[in-house]
Amino acid sequence: MTENNNNSQKKCSGKGKAMFAYGIIQLGSTVISAVALSAIALGFCSLQKEATFFNECVEEIKASGKSSAKAVRFCHGGK
């Protein structure tokens, strides 16, 4: 009878290790996802600042009497 209990425990220990490895992999992928989402969010912040700067540039050039198309071209780096 004790031999059956020992065999059952040996079979379960292998499953336990597999489940532990699965948990670690799942946790690692969650951390990687969180870091990636943070990087994307920080990228949007800098994009918003760049867009604000571009809009201010266009408004300034339009105020000097040029058309919207010429102002956009100038702010993109054209002459």
Protein backbone atom coordinates (compact mmCIF):
# COMPACT_ATOMS: atom_id res chain seq x y z
CA MET A 1 0.00 0.00 0.00
CA THR A 2 2.81 2.40 0.76
CA GLU A 3 4.33 1.68 -2.65
CA ASN A 4 1.18 2.98 -4.38
CA ASN A 5 1.33 6.22 -2.37
CA ASN A 6 5.00 6.72 -3.26
CA ASN A 7 4.27 6.19 -6.97
CA SER A 8 1.38 8.68 -6.85
CA GLN A 9 3.57 11.30 -5.22
CA LYS A 10 6.30 10.84 -7.83
CA LYS A 11 3.81 11.30 -10.67
CA CYS A 12 2.37 14.46 -9.10
CA SER A 13 5.77 16.05 -8.51
CA GLY A 14 6.43 16.12 -12.25
CA LYS A 15 3.11 17.84 -12.87
CA GLY A 16 3.85 20.32 -10.12
CA LYS A 17 7.14 21.30 -11.73
CA ALA A 18 5.43 21.73 -15.09
CA MET A 19 2.73 23.92 -13.56
CA PHE A 20 5.37 25.98 -11.75
CA ALA A 21 7.26 26.49 -15.02
CA TYR A 22 4.00 27.47 -16.74
CA GLY A 23 3.29 30.02 -14.00
CA ILE A 24 6.76 31.54 -14.31
CA ILE A 25 6.41 31.79 -18.10
CA GLN A 26 2.96 33.35 -17.75
CA LEU A 27 4.27 35.90 -15.23
CA GLY A 28 7.22 36.73 -17.48
CA SER A 29 5.01 37.33 -20.50
CA THR A 30 2.75 39.58 -18.43
CA VAL A 31 5.74 41.67 -17.32
CA ILE A 32 6.98 41.95 -20.91
CA SER A 33 3.52 43.09 -22.04
CA ALA A 34 3.39 45.73 -19.32
CA VAL A 35 6.81 47.09 -20.29
CA ALA A 36 5.81 47.21 -23.97
CA LEU A 37 2.59 49.09 -23.18
CA SER A 38 4.53 51.59 -21.07
CA ALA A 39 6.96 52.20 -23.94
CA ILE A 40 4.04 52.78 -26.33
CA ALA A 41 2.43 55.23 -23.90
CA LEU A 42 5.67 57.21 -23.57
CA GLY A 43 5.93 57.28 -27.35
CA PHE A 44 2.49 58.86 -27.59
CA CYS A 45 3.53 61.60 -25.15
CA SER A 46 6.45 62.65 -27.33
CA LEU A 47 4.26 62.42 -30.45
CA GLN A 48 1.75 64.77 -28.85
CA LYS A 49 4.49 67.31 -28.07
CA GLU A 50 5.75 67.11 -31.65
CA ALA A 51 2.23 67.63 -33.01
CA THR A 52 1.74 70.66 -30.77
CA PHE A 53 5.03 72.14 -31.98
CA PHE A 54 4.07 71.51 -35.62
CA ASN A 55 0.65 73.17 -35.18
CA GLU A 56 2.27 76.22 -33.58
CA CYS A 57 4.71 76.41 -36.48
CA VAL A 58 1.89 76.29 -39.05
CA GLU A 59 -0.10 78.97 -37.23
CA GLU A 60 2.94 81.23 -37.04
CA ILE A 61 3.69 80.90 -40.76
CA LYS A 62 0.02 81.42 -41.67
CA ALA A 63 0.02 84.60 -39.55
CA SER A 64 2.84 85.97 -41.71
CA GLY A 65 0.50 85.87 -44.74
CA LYS A 66 1.36 82.57 -46.45
CA SER A 67 -1.24 79.96 -47.42
CA SER A 68 -1.88 76.84 -45.35
CA ALA A 69 -0.19 74.61 -47.93
CA LYS A 70 2.96 76.75 -47.93
CA ALA A 71 2.97 76.84 -44.13
CA VAL A 72 2.73 73.07 -43.87
CA ARG A 73 5.46 72.62 -46.46
CA PHE A 74 7.72 75.05 -44.59
CA CYS A 75 7.14 73.32 -41.24
CA HIS A 76 7.96 69.93 -42.77
CA GLY A 77 11.36 71.29 -43.75
CA GLY A 78 10.66 72.68 -47.22
CA LYS A 79 11.76 76.13 -48.35
